[in-house]
Protein backbone atom coordinates (compact mmCIF):
# COMPACT_ATOMS: atom_id res chain seq x y z
CA UNK A 1 -13.91 -67.41 -47.78
CA UNK A 2 -13.50 -65.74 -51.18
CA UNK A 3 -10.20 -64.08 -52.10
CA UNK A 4 -10.47 -60.35 -52.74
CA UNK A 5 -7.77 -59.13 -55.18
CA UNK A 6 -7.21 -55.41 -54.66
CA UNK A 7 -5.47 -55.21 -58.03
CA UNK A 8 -8.69 -56.23 -59.71
CA UNK A 9 -11.23 -54.57 -57.46
CA UNK A 10 -9.55 -51.31 -56.32
CA UNK A 11 -12.40 -49.30 -57.76
CA UNK A 12 -14.68 -50.69 -55.09
CA UNK A 13 -12.92 -48.35 -52.61
CA UNK A 14 -13.48 -45.30 -54.84
CA UNK A 15 -17.17 -46.08 -55.34
CA UNK A 16 -17.68 -46.76 -51.62
CA UNK A 17 -15.83 -43.51 -50.62
CA UNK A 18 -17.90 -41.33 -53.04
CA UNK A 19 -21.24 -42.96 -52.12
CA UNK A 20 -20.57 -42.72 -48.33
CA UNK A 21 -19.34 -39.15 -48.57
CA UNK A 22 -22.62 -38.15 -50.30
CA UNK A 23 -24.62 -39.96 -47.65
CA UNK A 24 -22.73 -37.97 -45.00
CA UNK A 25 -23.60 -34.76 -46.75
CA UNK A 26 -27.29 -35.30 -45.98
CA UNK A 27 -27.81 -33.20 -42.84
CA UNK A 28 -30.93 -34.06 -40.85
CA UNK A 29 -30.51 -31.14 -38.43
CA UNK A 30 -30.98 -28.64 -41.22
CA UNK A 31 -33.90 -30.52 -42.66
CA UNK A 32 -35.68 -30.98 -39.34
CA UNK A 33 -35.12 -27.37 -38.28
CA UNK A 34 -36.59 -26.13 -41.63
CA UNK A 35 -39.75 -28.06 -40.83
CA UNK A 36 -39.78 -25.99 -37.66
CA UNK A 37 -39.53 -22.80 -39.88
CA UNK A 38 -36.04 -22.08 -38.57
CA UNK A 39 -32.50 -22.75 -39.69
CA UNK A 40 -30.40 -24.45 -36.95
CA UNK A 41 -27.32 -22.79 -38.37
CA UNK A 42 -28.69 -19.39 -37.27
CA UNK A 43 -29.54 -20.24 -33.69
CA UNK A 44 -27.64 -21.40 -30.59
CA UNK A 45 -24.06 -22.44 -31.35
CA UNK A 46 -24.88 -22.47 -35.04
CA UNK A 47 -23.80 -26.14 -35.30
CA UNK A 48 -26.18 -28.24 -37.40
CA UNK A 49 -25.99 -31.22 -35.02
CA UNK A 50 -27.74 -33.09 -32.24
CA UNK A 51 -26.61 -31.02 -29.27
CA UNK A 52 -27.70 -27.67 -30.79
CA UNK A 53 -30.99 -29.26 -31.93
CA UNK A 54 -31.57 -30.50 -28.40
CA UNK A 55 -30.84 -27.07 -26.85
CA UNK A 56 -32.96 -25.27 -29.44
CA UNK A 57 -35.99 -27.51 -29.98
CA UNK A 58 -35.98 -29.71 -26.95
CA UNK A 59 -35.08 -33.26 -25.86
CA UNK A 60 -37.53 -35.07 -28.17
CA UNK A 61 -36.33 -33.36 -31.38
CA UNK A 62 -32.71 -33.80 -30.34
CA UNK A 63 -33.18 -37.53 -29.86
CA UNK A 64 -34.97 -37.87 -33.18
CA UNK A 65 -32.06 -36.04 -34.84
CA UNK A 66 -29.55 -38.26 -32.97
CA UNK A 67 -31.11 -41.44 -34.30
CA UNK A 68 -31.43 -40.11 -37.85
CA UNK A 69 -27.68 -39.21 -37.85
CA UNK A 70 -26.77 -42.46 -36.13
CA UNK A 71 -28.61 -44.44 -38.87
CA UNK A 72 -26.79 -42.37 -41.47
CA UNK A 73 -23.53 -43.61 -40.05
CA UNK A 74 -24.70 -47.14 -39.33
CA UNK A 75 -26.63 -48.26 -42.43
CA UNK A 76 -23.64 -47.95 -44.90
CA UNK A 77 -21.54 -49.90 -42.42
CA UNK A 78 -24.19 -52.64 -42.21
CA UNK A 79 -24.51 -52.81 -46.03
CA UNK A 80 -20.76 -53.34 -46.67
CA UNK A 81 -20.60 -55.83 -43.84
CA UNK A 82 -23.04 -58.12 -45.59
CA UNK A 83 -21.41 -57.53 -48.98
CA UNK A 84 -17.86 -58.32 -47.86
CA UNK A 85 -18.16 -60.53 -44.73
CA UNK A 86 -17.29 -63.67 -46.70
CA UNK A 87 -14.21 -62.17 -48.42
CA UNK A 88 -10.60 -61.95 -47.35
CA UNK A 89 -7.79 -59.97 -48.88
CA UNK A 90 -5.87 -62.38 -51.09
CA UNK A 91 -2.93 -64.05 -49.33
CA UNK A 92 -4.13 -62.92 -45.86
CA UNK A 93 -6.72 -63.84 -43.25
CA UNK A 94 -7.94 -60.24 -43.07
CA UNK A 95 -11.68 -60.03 -43.57
CA UNK A 96 -12.53 -57.35 -46.21
CA UNK A 97 -15.58 -56.32 -44.12
CA UNK A 98 -13.30 -55.34 -41.19
CA UNK A 99 -11.58 -52.74 -43.44
CA UNK A 100 -14.60 -51.65 -45.47
CA UNK A 101 -16.84 -51.04 -42.41
CA UNK A 102 -14.55 -48.33 -41.12
CA UNK A 103 -13.43 -47.10 -44.53
CA UNK A 104 -17.07 -46.36 -45.36
CA UNK A 105 -17.77 -45.03 -41.90
CA UNK A 106 -14.85 -42.57 -42.17
CA UNK A 107 -16.20 -41.09 -45.37
CA UNK A 108 -19.66 -40.73 -43.92
CA UNK A 109 -18.11 -38.74 -41.08
CA UNK A 110 -16.09 -36.64 -43.49
CA UNK A 111 -19.23 -35.92 -45.53
CA UNK A 112 -21.04 -34.89 -42.36
CA UNK A 113 -18.31 -32.52 -41.19
CA UNK A 114 -17.34 -31.17 -44.65
CA UNK A 115 -20.47 -31.46 -46.83
CA UNK A 116 -20.13 -30.13 -50.37
CA UNK A 117 -23.86 -29.34 -50.21
CA UNK A 118 -23.28 -26.83 -47.33
CA UNK A 119 -20.04 -25.22 -48.56
CA UNK A 120 -18.05 -27.70 -46.45
CA UNK A 121 -19.50 -26.36 -43.17
CA UNK A 122 -21.46 -29.19 -41.55
CA UNK A 123 -21.88 -30.72 -38.19
CA UNK A 124 -19.30 -32.30 -35.93
CA UNK A 125 -20.01 -35.94 -36.66
CA UNK A 126 -20.65 -37.28 -33.17
CA UNK A 127 -24.04 -38.91 -33.76
CA UNK A 128 -22.95 -40.46 -37.12
CA UNK A 129 -19.75 -41.68 -35.49
CA UNK A 130 -21.49 -43.24 -32.50
CA UNK A 131 -23.99 -44.85 -34.96
CA UNK A 132 -21.29 -46.31 -37.15
CA UNK A 133 -19.41 -47.78 -34.26
CA UNK A 134 -22.54 -49.10 -32.66
CA UNK A 135 -23.59 -50.94 -35.82
CA UNK A 136 -20.01 -51.99 -36.76
CA UNK A 137 -19.42 -53.62 -33.37
CA UNK A 138 -22.85 -55.25 -33.43
CA UNK A 139 -21.76 -56.91 -36.68
CA UNK A 140 -19.06 -58.65 -34.61
CA UNK A 141 -21.72 -60.24 -32.37
CA UNK A 142 -25.42 -59.48 -32.37
CA UNK A 143 -25.75 -59.03 -28.61
CA UNK A 144 -23.04 -56.29 -28.74
CA UNK A 145 -25.95 -54.08 -29.72
CA UNK A 146 -26.95 -54.08 -26.03
CA UNK A 147 -23.43 -53.17 -24.86
CA UNK A 148 -23.40 -50.39 -27.48
CA UNK A 149 -26.70 -49.17 -26.15
CA UNK A 150 -25.17 -49.19 -22.69
CA UNK A 151 -22.28 -47.06 -23.83
CA UNK A 152 -24.68 -44.52 -25.38
CA UNK A 153 -26.72 -44.48 -22.16
CA UNK A 154 -23.55 -43.85 -20.10
CA UNK A 155 -22.66 -40.93 -22.48
CA UNK A 156 -26.19 -39.54 -22.01
CA UNK A 157 -25.92 -39.92 -18.22
CA UNK A 158 -22.51 -38.19 -18.21
CA UNK A 159 -23.95 -35.30 -20.21
CA UNK A 160 -27.00 -35.10 -17.91
CA UNK A 161 -24.74 -34.87 -14.82
CA UNK A 162 -21.88 -32.77 -16.12
CA UNK A 163 -23.82 -30.75 -18.76
CA UNK A 164 -20.72 -30.94 -21.00
CA UNK A 165 -22.19 -32.34 -24.19
CA UNK A 166 -19.07 -32.25 -26.36
CA UNK A 167 -16.77 -33.95 -23.84
CA UNK A 168 -19.33 -36.68 -23.09
CA UNK A 169 -19.74 -37.36 -26.77
CA UNK A 170 -16.00 -37.49 -27.45
CA UNK A 171 -15.45 -39.87 -24.61
CA UNK A 172 -18.17 -42.11 -26.02
CA UNK A 173 -16.43 -42.16 -29.41
CA UNK A 174 -13.11 -43.00 -27.79
CA UNK A 175 -14.64 -45.82 -25.74
CA UNK A 176 -16.13 -47.41 -28.90
CA UNK A 177 -12.82 -47.05 -30.68
CA UNK A 178 -10.82 -48.75 -27.92
CA UNK A 179 -13.36 -51.59 -27.77
CA UNK A 180 -13.04 -52.22 -31.52
CA UNK A 181 -9.25 -51.84 -31.46
CA UNK A 182 -9.09 -54.52 -28.68
CA UNK A 183 -11.18 -56.88 -30.85
CA UNK A 184 -9.02 -56.28 -33.91
CA UNK A 185 -5.88 -56.82 -31.85
CA UNK A 186 -7.21 -60.14 -30.51
CA UNK A 187 -8.31 -61.29 -33.98
CA UNK A 188 -5.17 -60.38 -35.86
CA UNK A 189 -2.51 -60.73 -33.11
CA UNK A 190 -0.43 -62.93 -35.41
CA UNK A 191 -0.73 -60.53 -38.34
CA UNK A 192 -0.22 -57.13 -36.70
CA UNK A 193 2.43 -56.21 -39.30
CA UNK A 194 0.09 -56.89 -42.17
CA UNK A 195 -0.74 -53.74 -44.14
CA UNK A 196 -4.42 -54.28 -44.04
CA UNK A 197 -4.41 -54.84 -40.26
CA UNK A 198 -2.45 -51.60 -39.86
CA UNK A 199 -4.93 -49.87 -42.12
CA UNK A 200 -7.77 -51.00 -39.84
CA UNK A 201 -6.14 -49.30 -36.84
CA UNK A 202 -5.37 -46.21 -38.96
CA UNK A 203 -9.06 -45.94 -39.90
CA UNK A 204 -10.08 -46.06 -36.23
CA UNK A 205 -7.53 -43.37 -35.48
CA UNK A 206 -8.68 -41.24 -38.38
CA UNK A 207 -12.29 -41.31 -37.34
CA UNK A 208 -11.26 -40.18 -33.85
CA UNK A 209 -9.05 -37.43 -35.18
CA UNK A 210 -11.78 -36.02 -37.39
CA UNK A 211 -14.32 -35.90 -34.58
CA UNK A 212 -11.92 -34.50 -32.01
CA UNK A 213 -10.57 -31.88 -34.39
CA UNK A 214 -14.07 -30.89 -35.33
CA UNK A 215 -14.64 -30.11 -31.65
CA UNK A 216 -11.44 -28.13 -31.16
CA UNK A 217 -13.37 -24.85 -30.50
CA UNK A 218 -15.54 -26.65 -27.97
CA UNK A 219 -12.46 -28.00 -26.17
CA UNK A 220 -10.98 -24.49 -26.06
CA UNK A 221 -14.23 -23.07 -24.66
CA UNK A 222 -14.46 -26.00 -22.21
CA UNK A 223 -10.98 -25.21 -20.87
CA UNK A 224 -11.93 -21.54 -20.63
CA UNK A 225 -15.24 -22.22 -18.91
CA UNK A 226 -17.21 -20.76 -21.82
CA UNK A 227 -18.63 -23.91 -23.39
CA UNK A 228 -22.41 -24.09 -24.05
CA UNK A 229 -24.03 -26.28 -21.38
CA UNK A 230 -26.50 -28.96 -22.30
CA UNK A 231 -28.89 -29.29 -19.37
CA UNK A 232 -31.02 -32.45 -19.81
CA UNK A 233 -32.77 -31.67 -16.51
CA UNK A 234 -33.84 -28.25 -17.72
CA UNK A 235 -35.14 -29.69 -20.98
CA UNK A 236 -37.24 -32.29 -19.14
CA UNK A 237 -38.59 -29.68 -16.74
CA UNK A 238 -39.51 -27.43 -19.66
CA UNK A 239 -41.30 -30.26 -21.39
CA UNK A 240 -43.23 -31.12 -18.21
CA UNK A 241 -44.33 -27.50 -17.78
CA UNK A 242 -45.72 -27.45 -21.32
CA UNK A 243 -47.78 -30.56 -20.55
């Protein structure tokens, strides 16, 4: 392992934060909807994200949008993993990639929710967050990609049964977070008071806070019984009728 001296390479964090924020500002929902000669911000819930795309343009377009946003969250995480996986913070056993994965992921999510390119009114970050967790956890062990797929399928199934898209998505994000937190706890159980280890847990918490807070209106509507329903069954039936 190579020692990483934050006093010498602090600017890596600034560069990573700026680059990942700009990546997050790239909104696929708006781009895809414009190819459909509409603006997703003017239809349905007005949210430029996967659920509104799915309700407006159908299941196929929604899934395409989900994977585009998921890749947006996952690719920066994968890049920094390979860059920093053989480095540890000087004087510790904390792997730099463990911090940088979620540091970069957080700024992608912030860019998606508060994009400067859209007057800071973006999507709610679920697909990007699920993507970053899926890839970040798969970096731990390659076959975790299948467990991550299972989590996403469970989220999809929950939404299909309950028709509560926002709640299903938030539960999925929380499940991924708990999984990663458990792995970090196991890995750094003897260094839990180390500042970088604490920072790892703070990053996981921050990602959750941003996504949950971005859904605060959905949660209020959900409690009031006014939340937009996402009927997967209706979308499939509509697609079959067209065929």
